[in-house]
PDB file of all heavy atoms in Angstrom:
ATOM      1  N   GLY A   1      86.239   5.936   9.160  1.00  0.00           N
ATOM      2  CA  GLY A   1      85.170   6.487   9.980  1.00  0.00           C
ATOM      3  C   GLY A   1      85.621   7.102  11.295  1.00  0.00           C
ATOM      4  O   GLY A   1      84.804   7.583  12.058  1.00  0.00           O
ATOM      5  N   SER A   2      86.917   7.086  11.591  1.00  0.00           N
ATOM      6  CA  SER A   2      87.392   7.672  12.848  1.00  0.00           C
ATOM      7  C   SER A   2      87.900   9.088  12.602  1.00  0.00           C
ATOM      8  O   SER A   2      88.233   9.455  11.488  1.00  0.00           O
ATOM      9  CB  SER A   2      88.496   6.812  13.455  1.00  0.00           C
ATOM     10  OG  SER A   2      89.638   6.853  12.633  1.00  0.00           O
ATOM     11  N   ASP A   3      87.955   9.868  13.676  1.00  0.00           N
ATOM     12  CA  ASP A   3      88.492  11.223  13.516  1.00  0.00           C
ATOM     13  C   ASP A   3      89.945  11.229  13.993  1.00  0.00           C
ATOM     14  O   ASP A   3      90.349  10.460  14.863  1.00  0.00           O
ATOM     15  CB  ASP A   3      87.640  12.253  14.271  1.00  0.00           C
ATOM     16  CG  ASP A   3      87.726  12.097  15.767  1.00  0.00           C
ATOM     17  OD1 ASP A   3      87.007  11.236  16.315  1.00  0.00           O
ATOM     18  OD2 ASP A   3      88.524  12.830  16.376  1.00  0.00           O
ATOM     19  N   ILE A   4      90.737  12.100  13.402  1.00  0.00           N
ATOM     20  CA  ILE A   4      92.175  12.106  13.638  1.00  0.00           C
ATOM     21  C   ILE A   4      92.515  12.448  15.078  1.00  0.00           C
ATOM     22  O   ILE A   4      93.479  11.926  15.634  1.00  0.00           O
ATOM     23  CB  ILE A   4      92.896  13.030  12.624  1.00  0.00           C
ATOM     24  CG1 ILE A   4      94.402  12.765  12.626  1.00  0.00           C
ATOM     25  CG2 ILE A   4      92.608  14.485  12.903  1.00  0.00           C
ATOM     26  CD1 ILE A   4      94.774  11.414  12.125  1.00  0.00           C
ATOM     27  N   ASP A   5      91.725  13.290  15.739  1.00  0.00           N
ATOM     28  CA  ASP A   5      92.003  13.643  17.125  1.00  0.00           C
ATOM     29  C   ASP A   5      91.921  12.400  18.015  1.00  0.00           C
ATOM     30  O   ASP A   5      92.787  12.161  18.855  1.00  0.00           O
ATOM     31  CB  ASP A   5      91.036  14.720  17.618  1.00  0.00           C
ATOM     32  CG  ASP A   5      91.415  15.218  18.995  1.00  0.00           C
ATOM     33  OD1 ASP A   5      92.552  15.705  19.154  1.00  0.00           O
ATOM     34  OD2 ASP A   5      90.585  15.101  19.912  1.00  0.00           O
ATOM     35  N   THR A   6      90.918  11.587  17.809  1.00  0.00           N
ATOM     36  CA  THR A   6      90.784  10.345  18.566  1.00  0.00           C
ATOM     37  C   THR A   6      91.912   9.384  18.226  1.00  0.00           C
ATOM     38  O   THR A   6      92.470   8.722  19.108  1.00  0.00           O
ATOM     39  CB  THR A   6      89.423   9.686  18.275  1.00  0.00           C
ATOM     40  OG1 THR A   6      88.385  10.579  18.671  1.00  0.00           O
ATOM     41  CG2 THR A   6      89.269   8.354  19.004  1.00  0.00           C
ATOM     42  N   GLU A   7      92.281   9.325  16.959  1.00  0.00           N
ATOM     43  CA  GLU A   7      93.303   8.375  16.513  1.00  0.00           C
ATOM     44  C   GLU A   7      94.676   8.671  17.107  1.00  0.00           C
ATOM     45  O   GLU A   7      95.366   7.757  17.555  1.00  0.00           O
ATOM     46  CB  GLU A   7      93.387   8.361  14.984  1.00  0.00           C
ATOM     47  CG  GLU A   7      92.214   7.680  14.334  1.00  0.00           C
ATOM     48  CD  GLU A   7      92.145   6.196  14.648  1.00  0.00           C
ATOM     49  OE1 GLU A   7      93.150   5.474  14.471  1.00  0.00           O
ATOM     50  OE2 GLU A   7      91.088   5.753  15.089  1.00  0.00           O
ATOM     51  N   TRP A   8      95.112   9.944  17.109  1.00  0.00           N
ATOM     52  CA  TRP A   8      96.455  10.207  17.639  1.00  0.00           C
ATOM     53  C   TRP A   8      96.487   9.953  19.136  1.00  0.00           C
ATOM     54  O   TRP A   8      97.479   9.465  19.659  1.00  0.00           O
ATOM     55  CB  TRP A   8      96.993  11.588  17.271  1.00  0.00           C
ATOM     56  CG  TRP A   8      96.529  12.748  18.089  1.00  0.00           C
ATOM     57  CD1 TRP A   8      95.587  13.669  17.745  1.00  0.00           C
ATOM     58  CD2 TRP A   8      97.001  13.158  19.385  1.00  0.00           C
ATOM     59  NE1 TRP A   8      95.422  14.597  18.744  1.00  0.00           N
ATOM     60  CE2 TRP A   8      96.292  14.307  19.765  1.00  0.00           C
ATOM     61  CE3 TRP A   8      97.945  12.648  20.269  1.00  0.00           C
ATOM     62  CZ2 TRP A   8      96.490  14.970  20.979  1.00  0.00           C
ATOM     63  CZ3 TRP A   8      98.148  13.314  21.484  1.00  0.00           C
ATOM     64  CH2 TRP A   8      97.434  14.453  21.820  1.00  0.00           C
ATOM     65  N   ARG A   9      95.387  10.254  19.826  1.00  0.00           N
ATOM     66  CA  ARG A   9      95.335   9.998  21.274  1.00  0.00           C
ATOM     67  C   ARG A   9      95.352   8.492  21.564  1.00  0.00           C
ATOM     68  O   ARG A   9      95.989   8.027  22.508  1.00  0.00           O
ATOM     69  CB  ARG A   9      94.101  10.649  21.886  1.00  0.00           C
ATOM     70  CG  ARG A   9      94.180  12.155  21.888  1.00  0.00           C
ATOM     71  CD  ARG A   9      92.841  12.775  22.315  1.00  0.00           C
ATOM     72  NE  ARG A   9      92.828  14.188  22.081  1.00  0.00           N
ATOM     73  CZ  ARG A   9      93.314  15.094  22.945  1.00  0.00           C
ATOM     74  NH1 ARG A   9      93.852  14.713  24.081  1.00  0.00           N
ATOM     75  NH2 ARG A   9      93.253  16.370  22.651  1.00  0.00           N
ATOM     76  N   ARG A  10      94.664   7.732  20.740  1.00  0.00           N
ATOM     77  CA  ARG A  10      94.640   6.277  20.881  1.00  0.00           C
ATOM     78  C   ARG A  10      96.035   5.709  20.629  1.00  0.00           C
ATOM     79  O   ARG A  10      96.510   4.830  21.354  1.00  0.00           O
ATOM     80  CB  ARG A  10      93.624   5.706  19.895  1.00  0.00           C
ATOM     81  CG  ARG A  10      93.207   4.299  20.161  1.00  0.00           C
ATOM     82  CD  ARG A  10      91.972   3.969  19.338  1.00  0.00           C
ATOM     83  NE  ARG A  10      92.289   3.739  17.955  1.00  0.00           N
ATOM     84  CZ  ARG A  10      92.423   2.530  17.422  1.00  0.00           C
ATOM     85  NH1 ARG A  10      92.231   1.455  18.157  1.00  0.00           N
ATOM     86  NH2 ARG A  10      92.719   2.383  16.161  1.00  0.00           N
ATOM     87  N   LEU A  11      96.713   6.242  19.622  1.00  0.00           N
ATOM     88  CA  LEU A  11      98.077   5.829  19.309  1.00  0.00           C
ATOM     89  C   LEU A  11      99.002   6.128  20.482  1.00  0.00           C
ATOM     90  O   LEU A  11      99.826   5.296  20.874  1.00  0.00           O
ATOM     91  CB  LEU A  11      98.555   6.543  18.040  1.00  0.00           C
ATOM     92  CG  LEU A  11      99.974   6.275  17.576  1.00  0.00           C
ATOM     93  CD1 LEU A  11     100.177   4.798  17.264  1.00  0.00           C
ATOM     94  CD2 LEU A  11     100.289   7.132  16.358  1.00  0.00           C
ATOM     95  N   TRP A  12      98.862   7.300  21.069  1.00  0.00           N
ATOM     96  CA  TRP A  12      99.689   7.681  22.222  1.00  0.00           C
ATOM     97  C   TRP A  12      99.431   6.753  23.406  1.00  0.00           C
ATOM     98  O   TRP A  12     100.363   6.229  24.010  1.00  0.00           O
ATOM     99  CB  TRP A  12      99.418   9.137  22.588  1.00  0.00           C
ATOM    100  CG  TRP A  12     100.106   9.601  23.830  1.00  0.00           C
ATOM    101  CD1 TRP A  12     101.394   9.329  24.210  1.00  0.00           C
ATOM    102  CD2 TRP A  12      99.550  10.426  24.844  1.00  0.00           C
ATOM    103  NE1 TRP A  12     101.662   9.939  25.407  1.00  0.00           N
ATOM    104  CE2 TRP A  12     100.546  10.623  25.821  1.00  0.00           C
ATOM    105  CE3 TRP A  12      98.312  11.016  25.022  1.00  0.00           C
ATOM    106  CZ2 TRP A  12     100.336  11.386  26.953  1.00  0.00           C
ATOM    107  CZ3 TRP A  12      98.106  11.785  26.142  1.00  0.00           C
ATOM    108  CH2 TRP A  12      99.105  11.970  27.093  1.00  0.00           C
ATOM    109  N   GLN A  13      98.165   6.547  23.734  1.00  0.00           N
ATOM    110  CA  GLN A  13      97.840   5.678  24.860  1.00  0.00           C
ATOM    111  C   GLN A  13      98.365   4.256  24.634  1.00  0.00           C
ATOM    112  O   GLN A  13      98.872   3.622  25.553  1.00  0.00           O
ATOM    113  CB  GLN A  13      96.329   5.647  25.106  1.00  0.00           C
ATOM    114  CG  GLN A  13      95.774   6.930  25.670  1.00  0.00           C
ATOM    115  CD  GLN A  13      96.337   7.275  27.034  1.00  0.00           C
ATOM    116  OE1 GLN A  13      96.611   6.408  27.845  1.00  0.00           O
ATOM    117  NE2 GLN A  13      96.507   8.561  27.286  1.00  0.00           N
ATOM    118  N   HIS A  14      98.245   3.779  23.423  1.00  0.00           N
ATOM    119  CA  HIS A  14      98.687   2.421  23.093  1.00  0.00           C
ATOM    120  C   HIS A  14     100.205   2.279  23.234  1.00  0.00           C
ATOM    121  O   HIS A  14     100.714   1.184  23.498  1.00  0.00           O
ATOM    122  CB  HIS A  14      98.234   2.085  21.666  1.00  0.00           C
ATOM    123  CG  HIS A  14      98.423   0.659  21.283  1.00  0.00           C
ATOM    124  ND1 HIS A  14      97.622  -0.359  21.764  1.00  0.00           N
ATOM    125  CD2 HIS A  14      99.332   0.066  20.466  1.00  0.00           C
ATOM    126  CE1 HIS A  14      98.025  -1.510  21.248  1.00  0.00           C
ATOM    127  NE2 HIS A  14      99.057  -1.282  20.464  1.00  0.00           N
ATOM    128  N   ASN A  15     100.953   3.376  23.059  1.00  0.00           N
ATOM    129  CA  ASN A  15     102.420   3.362  23.084  1.00  0.00           C
ATOM    130  C   ASN A  15     103.002   4.203  24.206  1.00  0.00           C
ATOM    131  O   ASN A  15     104.163   4.598  24.150  1.00  0.00           O
ATOM    132  CB  ASN A  15     102.960   3.868  21.742  1.00  0.00           C
ATOM    133  CG  ASN A  15     102.705   2.896  20.634  1.00  0.00           C
ATOM    134  OD1 ASN A  15     103.413   1.915  20.487  1.00  0.00           O
ATOM    135  ND2 ASN A  15     101.664   3.162  19.865  1.00  0.00           N
ATOM    136  N   ARG A  16     102.217   4.469  25.232  1.00  0.00           N
ATOM    137  CA  ARG A  16     102.670   5.363  26.296  1.00  0.00           C
ATOM    138  C   ARG A  16     103.925   4.837  26.989  1.00  0.00           C
ATOM    139  O   ARG A  16     104.742   5.626  27.460  1.00  0.00           O
ATOM    140  CB  ARG A  16     101.555   5.584  27.299  1.00  0.00           C
ATOM    141  CG  ARG A  16     101.790   6.808  28.137  1.00  0.00           C
ATOM    142  CD  ARG A  16     100.515   7.422  28.530  1.00  0.00           C
ATOM    143  NE  ARG A  16     100.795   8.655  29.233  1.00  0.00           N
ATOM    144  CZ  ARG A  16      99.893   9.403  29.759  1.00  0.00           C
ATOM    145  NH1 ARG A  16      98.616   9.063  29.636  1.00  0.00           N
ATOM    146  NH2 ARG A  16     100.198  10.502  30.381  1.00  0.00           N
ATOM    147  N   ASP A  17     104.109   3.525  27.036  1.00  0.00           N
ATOM    148  CA  ASP A  17     105.319   2.976  27.645  1.00  0.00           C
ATOM    149  C   ASP A  17     106.572   3.328  26.837  1.00  0.00           C
ATOM    150  O   ASP A  17     107.665   3.395  27.382  1.00  0.00           O
ATOM    151  CB  ASP A  17     105.203   1.462  27.813  1.00  0.00           C
ATOM    152  CG  ASP A  17     104.966   0.720  26.516  1.00  0.00           C
ATOM    153  OD1 ASP A  17     104.323   1.287  25.606  1.00  0.00           O
ATOM    154  OD2 ASP A  17     105.411  -0.436  26.398  1.00  0.00           O
ATOM    155  N   VAL A  18     106.425   3.601  25.549  1.00  0.00           N
ATOM    156  CA  VAL A  18     107.544   3.992  24.693  1.00  0.00           C
ATOM    157  C   VAL A  18     107.669   5.511  24.653  1.00  0.00           C
ATOM    158  O   VAL A  18     108.767   6.063  24.769  1.00  0.00           O
ATOM    159  CB  VAL A  18     107.351   3.460  23.247  1.00  0.00           C
ATOM    160  CG1 VAL A  18     108.447   3.969  22.323  1.00  0.00           C
ATOM    161  CG2 VAL A  18     107.291   1.949  23.248  1.00  0.00           C
ATOM    162  N   ILE A  19     106.540   6.204  24.507  1.00  0.00           N
ATOM    163  CA  ILE A  19     106.524   7.659  24.318  1.00  0.00           C
ATOM    164  C   ILE A  19     106.683   8.412  25.627  1.00  0.00           C
ATOM    165  O   ILE A  19     107.365   9.433  25.689  1.00  0.00           O
ATOM    166  CB  ILE A  19     105.212   8.091  23.614  1.00  0.00           C
ATOM    167  CG1 ILE A  19     105.140   7.445  22.233  1.00  0.00           C
ATOM    168  CG2 ILE A  19     105.112   9.606  23.534  1.00  0.00           C
ATOM    169  CD1 ILE A  19     103.782   7.556  21.574  1.00  0.00           C
ATOM    170  N   GLY A  20     106.030   7.941  26.675  1.00  0.00           N
ATOM    171  CA  GLY A  20     106.051   8.648  27.950  1.00  0.00           C
ATOM    172  C   GLY A  20     104.868   9.590  28.066  1.00  0.00           C
ATOM    173  O   GLY A  20     103.878   9.461  27.343  1.00  0.00           O
ATOM    174  N   ASP A  21     104.979  10.547  28.971  1.00  0.00           N
ATOM    175  CA  ASP A  21     103.869  11.436  29.295  1.00  0.00           C
ATOM    176  C   ASP A  21     103.683  12.603  28.324  1.00  0.00           C
ATOM    177  O   ASP A  21     102.672  13.292  28.382  1.00  0.00           O
ATOM    178  CB  ASP A  21     104.032  12.000  30.708  1.00  0.00           C
ATOM    179  CG  ASP A  21     103.885  10.923  31.765  1.00  0.00           C
ATOM    180  OD1 ASP A  21     103.226   9.893  31.491  1.00  0.00           O
ATOM    181  OD2 ASP A  21     104.434  11.110  32.865  1.00  0.00           O
ATOM    182  N   ASP A  22     104.652  12.864  27.465  1.00  0.00           N
ATOM    183  CA  ASP A  22     104.568  14.000  26.545  1.00  0.00           C
ATOM    184  C   ASP A  22     104.371  13.508  25.108  1.00  0.00           C
ATOM    185  O   ASP A  22     105.330  13.077  24.464  1.00  0.00           O
ATOM    186  CB  ASP A  22     105.830  14.850  26.636  1.00  0.00           C
ATOM    187  CG  ASP A  22     105.750  16.127  25.819  1.00  0.00           C
ATOM    188  OD1 ASP A  22     104.791  16.297  25.022  1.00  0.00           O
ATOM    189  OD2 ASP A  22     106.653  16.975  25.962  1.00  0.00           O
ATOM    190  N   PRO A  23     103.133  13.577  24.597  1.00  0.00           N
ATOM    191  CA  PRO A  23     102.882  13.061  23.246  1.00  0.00           C
ATOM    192  C   PRO A  23     103.559  13.876  22.148  1.00  0.00           C
ATOM    193  O   PRO A  23     103.642  13.415  21.007  1.00  0.00           O
ATOM    194  CB  PRO A  23     101.360  13.121  23.117  1.00  0.00           C
ATOM    195  CG  PRO A  23     100.946  14.200  24.056  1.00  0.00           C
ATOM    196  CD  PRO A  23     101.919  14.120  25.207  1.00  0.00           C
ATOM    197  N   ASP A  24     104.059  15.060  22.478  1.00  0.00           N
ATOM    198  CA  ASP A  24     104.764  15.862  21.479  1.00  0.00           C
ATOM    199  C   ASP A  24     106.230  15.458  21.351  1.00  0.00           C
ATOM    200  O   ASP A  24     106.927  15.959  20.476  1.00  0.00           O
ATOM    201  CB  ASP A  24     104.690  17.351  21.838  1.00  0.00           C
ATOM    202  CG  ASP A  24     103.285  17.901  21.665  1.00  0.00           C
ATOM    203  OD1 ASP A  24     102.569  17.442  20.755  1.00  0.00           O
ATOM    204  OD2 ASP A  24     102.902  18.793  22.443  1.00  0.00           O
ATOM    205  N   LEU A  25     106.684  14.579  22.233  1.00  0.00           N
ATOM    206  CA  LEU A  25     108.089  14.200  22.234  1.00  0.00           C
ATOM    207  C   LEU A  25     108.242  12.749  21.796  1.00  0.00           C
ATOM    208  O   LEU A  25     108.271  11.825  22.600  1.00  0.00           O
ATOM    209  CB  LEU A  25     108.691  14.402  23.631  1.00  0.00           C
ATOM    210  CG  LEU A  25     110.190  14.130  23.755  1.00  0.00           C
ATOM    211  CD1 LEU A  25     110.975  15.047  22.806  1.00  0.00           C
ATOM    212  CD2 LEU A  25     110.644  14.357  25.189  1.00  0.00           C
ATOM    213  N   ILE A  26     108.281  12.562  20.480  1.00  0.00           N
ATOM    214  CA  ILE A  26     108.615  11.250  19.934  1.00  0.00           C
ATOM    215  C   ILE A  26     109.944  11.419  19.207  1.00  0.00           C
ATOM    216  O   ILE A  26     110.257  12.498  18.696  1.00  0.00           O
ATOM    217  CB  ILE A  26     107.516  10.673  19.012  1.00  0.00           C
ATOM    218  CG1 ILE A  26     107.260  11.551  17.795  1.00  0.00           C
ATOM    219  CG2 ILE A  26     106.240  10.434  19.800  1.00  0.00           C
ATOM    220  CD1 ILE A  26     106.319  10.922  16.774  1.00  0.00           C
ATOM    221  N   LEU A  27     110.718  10.372  19.209  1.00  0.00           N
ATOM    222  CA  LEU A  27     112.081  10.460  18.692  1.00  0.00           C
ATOM    223  C   LEU A  27     112.299   9.522  17.516  1.00  0.00           C
ATOM    224  O   LEU A  27     111.785   8.397  17.507  1.00  0.00           O
ATOM    225  CB  LEU A  27     113.065  10.110  19.807  1.00  0.00           C
ATOM    226  CG  LEU A  27     112.956  10.963  21.071  1.00  0.00           C
ATOM    227  CD1 LEU A  27     113.822  10.382  22.175  1.00  0.00           C
ATOM    228  CD2 LEU A  27     113.317  12.402  20.782  1.00  0.00           C
ATOM    229  N   PRO A  28     113.076   9.978  16.515  1.00  0.00           N
ATOM    230  CA  PRO A  28     113.397   9.086  15.402  1.00  0.00           C
ATOM    231  C   PRO A  28     114.000   7.780  15.927  1.00  0.00           C
ATOM    232  O   PRO A  28     114.799   7.777  16.861  1.00  0.00           O
ATOM    233  CB  PRO A  28     114.415   9.884  14.588  1.00  0.00           C
ATOM    234  CG  PRO A  28     114.066  11.319  14.891  1.00  0.00           C
ATOM    235  CD  PRO A  28     113.664  11.315  16.346  1.00  0.00           C
ATOM    236  N   GLY A  29     113.550   6.690  15.336  1.00  0.00           N
ATOM    237  CA  GLY A  29     114.034   5.379  15.724  1.00  0.00           C
ATOM    238  C   GLY A  29     113.131   4.651  16.704  1.00  0.00           C
ATOM    239  O   GLY A  29     113.248   3.438  16.857  1.00  0.00           O
ATOM    240  N   GLN A  30     112.231   5.380  17.389  1.00  0.00           N
ATOM    241  CA  GLN A  30     111.302   4.702  18.288  1.00  0.00           C
ATOM    242  C   GLN A  30     110.374   3.815  17.460  1.00  0.00           C
ATOM    243  O   GLN A  30     109.911   4.209  16.397  1.00  0.00           O
ATOM    244  CB  GLN A  30     110.454   5.703  19.081  1.00  0.00           C
ATOM    245  CG  GLN A  30     111.203   6.399  20.186  1.00  0.00           C
ATOM    246  CD  GLN A  30     110.337   7.407  20.917  1.00  0.00           C
ATOM    247  OE1 GLN A  30     109.571   8.150  20.302  1.00  0.00           O
ATOM    248  NE2 GLN A  30     110.485   7.454  22.234  1.00  0.00           N
ATOM    249  N   ARG A  31     110.104   2.630  17.966  1.00  0.00           N
ATOM    250  CA  ARG A  31     109.198   1.694  17.290  1.00  0.00           C
ATOM    251  C   ARG A  31     107.852   1.765  17.994  1.00  0.00           C
ATOM    252  O   ARG A  31     107.733   1.414  19.157  1.00  0.00           O
ATOM    253  CB  ARG A  31     109.737   0.277  17.307  1.00  0.00           C
ATOM    254  CG  ARG A  31     108.852  -0.698  16.548  1.00  0.00           C
ATOM    255  CD  ARG A  31     109.469  -2.073  16.454  1.00  0.00           C
ATOM    256  NE  ARG A  31     110.746  -2.070  15.761  1.00  0.00           N
ATOM    257  CZ  ARG A  31     110.887  -2.130  14.429  1.00  0.00           C
ATOM    258  NH1 ARG A  31     109.828  -2.191  13.660  1.00  0.00           N
ATOM    259  NH2 ARG A  31     112.081  -2.121  13.879  1.00  0.00           N
ATOM    260  N   LEU A  32     106.843   2.259  17.266  1.00  0.00           N
ATOM    261  CA  LEU A  32     105.501   2.377  17.811  1.00  0.00           C
ATOM    262  C   LEU A  32     104.621   1.276  17.249  1.00  0.00           C
ATOM    263  O   LEU A  32     104.724   0.929  16.074  1.00  0.00           O
ATOM    264  CB  LEU A  32     104.895   3.740  17.460  1.00  0.00           C
ATOM    265  CG  LEU A  32     105.692   4.969  17.880  1.00  0.00           C
ATOM    266  CD1 LEU A  32     104.956   6.236  17.474  1.00  0.00           C
ATOM    267  CD2 LEU A  32     105.980   4.958  19.366  1.00  0.00           C
ATOM    268  N   SER A  33     103.764   0.770  18.075  1.00  0.00           N
ATOM    269  CA  SER A  33     102.805  -0.249  17.667  1.00  0.00           C
ATOM    270  C   SER A  33     101.513   0.467  17.270  1.00  0.00           C
ATOM    271  O   SER A  33     100.964   1.245  18.046  1.00  0.00           O
ATOM    272  CB  SER A  33     102.559  -1.198  18.840  1.00  0.00           C
ATOM    273  OG  SER A  33     101.532  -2.087  18.534  1.00  0.00           O
ATOM    274  N   ILE A  34     101.053   0.212  16.054  1.00  0.00           N
ATOM    275  CA  ILE A  34      99.804   0.811  15.571  1.00  0.00           C
ATOM    276  C   ILE A  34      98.677  -0.136  15.961  1.00  0.00           C
ATOM    277  O   ILE A  34      98.630  -1.270  15.488  1.00  0.00           O
ATOM    278  CB  ILE A  34      99.827   1.002  14.036  1.00  0.00           C
ATOM    279  CG1 ILE A  34     101.080   1.755  13.599  1.00  0.00           C
ATOM    280  CG2 ILE A  34      98.551   1.689  13.565  1.00  0.00           C
ATOM    281  CD1 ILE A  34     101.248   3.137  14.177  1.00  0.00           C
ATOM    282  N   PRO A  35      97.773   0.321  16.850  1.00  0.00           N
ATOM    283  CA  PRO A  35      96.699  -0.575  17.283  1.00  0.00           C
ATOM    284  C   PRO A  35      95.725  -0.864  16.150  1.00  0.00           C
ATOM    285  O   PRO A  35      95.469  -0.013  15.301  1.00  0.00           O
ATOM    286  CB  PRO A  35      96.019   0.185  18.415  1.00  0.00           C
ATOM    287  CG  PRO A  35      96.327   1.622  18.147  1.00  0.00           C
ATOM    288  CD  PRO A  35      97.659   1.642  17.456  1.00  0.00           C
ATOM    289  N   GLY A  36      95.188  -2.074  16.149  1.00  0.00           N
ATOM    290  CA  GLY A  36      94.158  -2.427  15.180  1.00  0.00           C
ATOM    291  C   GLY A  36      92.871  -1.679  15.500  1.00  0.00           C
ATOM    292  O   GLY A  36      92.735  -1.084  16.567  1.00  0.00           O
ATOM    293  N   PRO A  37      91.921  -1.697  14.600  1.00  0.00           N
ATOM    294  CA  PRO A  37      90.680  -0.940  14.797  1.00  0.00           C
ATOM    295  C   PRO A  37      89.867  -1.412  15.993  1.00  0.00           C
ATOM    296  O   PRO A  37      89.058  -0.663  16.528  1.00  0.00           O
ATOM    297  CB  PRO A  37      89.917  -1.135  13.493  1.00  0.00           C
ATOM    298  CG  PRO A  37      90.520  -2.343  12.864  1.00  0.00           C
ATOM    299  CD  PRO A  37      91.944  -2.416  13.348  1.00  0.00           C
ATOM    300  N   ASP A  38      90.080  -2.643  16.463  1.00  0.00           N
ATOM    301  CA  ASP A  38      89.318  -3.157  17.597  1.00  0.00           C
ATOM    302  C   ASP A  38      90.016  -2.944  18.925  1.00  0.00           C
ATOM    303  O   ASP A  38      89.467  -3.282  19.964  1.00  0.00           O
ATOM    304  CB  ASP A  38      89.034  -4.644  17.405  1.00  0.00           C
ATOM    305  CG  ASP A  38      88.126  -4.890  16.217  1.00  0.00           C
ATOM    306  OD1 ASP A  38      87.324  -3.992  15.881  1.00  0.00           O
ATOM    307  OD2 ASP A  38      88.229  -5.971  15.611  1.00  0.00           O
ATOM    308  N   ALA A  39      91.237  -2.407  18.916  1.00  0.00           N
ATOM    309  CA  ALA A  39      91.963  -2.165  20.161  1.00  0.00           C
ATOM    310  C   ALA A  39      91.472  -0.862  20.768  1.00  0.00           C
ATOM    311  O   ALA A  39      91.405   0.160  20.104  1.00  0.00           O
ATOM    312  CB  ALA A  39      93.461  -2.083  19.879  1.00  0.00           C
ATOM    313  N   HIS A  40      91.098  -0.916  22.034  1.00  0.00           N
ATOM    314  CA  HIS A  40      90.580   0.273  22.720  1.00  0.00           C
ATOM    315  C   HIS A  40      91.340   0.481  24.014  1.00  0.00           C
ATOM    316  O   HIS A  40      90.997  -0.109  25.030  1.00  0.00           O
ATOM    317  CB  HIS A  40      89.087   0.122  23.021  1.00  0.00           C
ATOM    318  CG  HIS A  40      88.271   0.000  21.786  1.00  0.00           C
ATOM    319  ND1 HIS A  40      88.042   1.050  20.948  1.00  0.00           N
ATOM    320  CD2 HIS A  40      87.652  -1.066  21.225  1.00  0.00           C
ATOM    321  CE1 HIS A  40      87.308   0.644  19.928  1.00  0.00           C
ATOM    322  NE2 HIS A  40      87.071  -0.636  20.067  1.00  0.00           N
ATOM    323  N   PRO A  41      92.406   1.322  24.000  1.00  0.00           N
ATOM    324  CA  PRO A  41      93.130   1.593  25.232  1.00  0.00           C
ATOM    325  C   PRO A  41      92.203   2.242  26.267  1.00  0.00           C
ATOM    326  O   PRO A  41      91.121   2.713  25.936  1.00  0.00           O
ATOM    327  CB  PRO A  41      94.213   2.567  24.812  1.00  0.00           C
ATOM    328  CG  PRO A  41      94.368   2.375  23.361  1.00  0.00           C
ATOM    329  CD  PRO A  41      93.006   1.959  22.859  1.00  0.00           C
ATOM    330  N   ALA A  42      92.661   2.283  27.491  1.00  0.00           N
ATOM    331  CA  ALA A  42      91.885   2.885  28.590  1.00  0.00           C
ATOM    332  C   ALA A  42      91.459   4.300  28.247  1.00  0.00           C
ATOM    333  O   ALA A  42      91.922   4.884  27.267  1.00  0.00           O
ATOM    334  CB  ALA A  42      92.743   2.885  29.848  1.00  0.00           C
ATOM    335  N   ASP A  43      90.587   4.840  29.032  1.00  0.00           N
ATOM    336  CA  ASP A  43      90.028   6.174  28.787  1.00  0.00           C
ATOM    337  C   ASP A  43      91.093   7.176  28.372  1.00  0.00           C
ATOM    338  O   ASP A  43      92.185   7.199  28.933  1.00  0.00           O
ATOM    339  CB  ASP A  43      89.344   6.704  30.040  1.00  0.00           C
ATOM    340  CG  ASP A  43      88.131   5.883  30.416  1.00  0.00           C
ATOM    341  OD1 ASP A  43      87.533   5.249  29.518  1.00  0.00           O
ATOM    342  OD2 ASP A  43      87.798   5.886  31.605  1.00  0.00           O
ATOM    343  N   ILE A  44      90.765   7.979  27.397  1.00  0.00           N
ATOM    344  CA  ILE A  44      91.630   9.043  26.932  1.00  0.00           C
ATOM    345  C   ILE A  44      91.008  10.345  27.419  1.00  0.00           C
ATOM    346  O   ILE A  44      89.951  10.732  26.963  1.00  0.00           O
ATOM    347  CB  ILE A  44      91.755   9.017  25.397  1.00  0.00           C
ATOM    348  CG1 ILE A  44      92.327   7.684  24.950  1.00  0.00           C
ATOM    349  CG2 ILE A  44      92.590  10.167  24.900  1.00  0.00           C
ATOM    350  CD1 ILE A  44      92.253   7.444  23.463  1.00  0.00           C
ATOM    351  N   GLU A  45      91.686  10.983  28.358  1.00  0.00           N
ATOM    352  CA  GLU A  45      91.100  12.176  28.980  1.00  0.00           C
ATOM    353  C   GLU A  45      91.897  13.418  28.605  1.00  0.00           C
ATOM    354  O   GLU A  45      93.117  13.390  28.593  1.00  0.00           O
ATOM    355  CB  GLU A  45      91.107  12.034  30.492  1.00  0.00           C
ATOM    356  CG  GLU A  45      90.246  10.909  30.987  1.00  0.00           C
ATOM    357  CD  GLU A  45      90.293  10.794  32.501  1.00  0.00           C
ATOM    358  OE1 GLU A  45      91.001  11.603  33.130  1.00  0.00           O
ATOM    359  OE2 GLU A  45      89.622   9.914  33.030  1.00  0.00           O
ATOM    360  N   GLY A  46      91.195  14.507  28.379  1.00  0.00           N
ATOM    361  CA  GLY A  46      91.792  15.827  28.243  1.00  0.00           C
ATOM    362  C   GLY A  46      92.799  15.961  27.134  1.00  0.00           C
ATOM    363  O   GLY A  46      93.165  15.013  26.463  1.00  0.00           O
TER     364      GLY A  46
END
């Protein structure tokens, strides 16, 4: 029931400490945590 635009932004916010400020720059080998459906990171803007 979620839309992909919201999901990738939620994934980025949840892993911002690993990914950094540029969501287009993820690197092979980085371990990302996939948030559960009830996890709601802080506001996702712009």
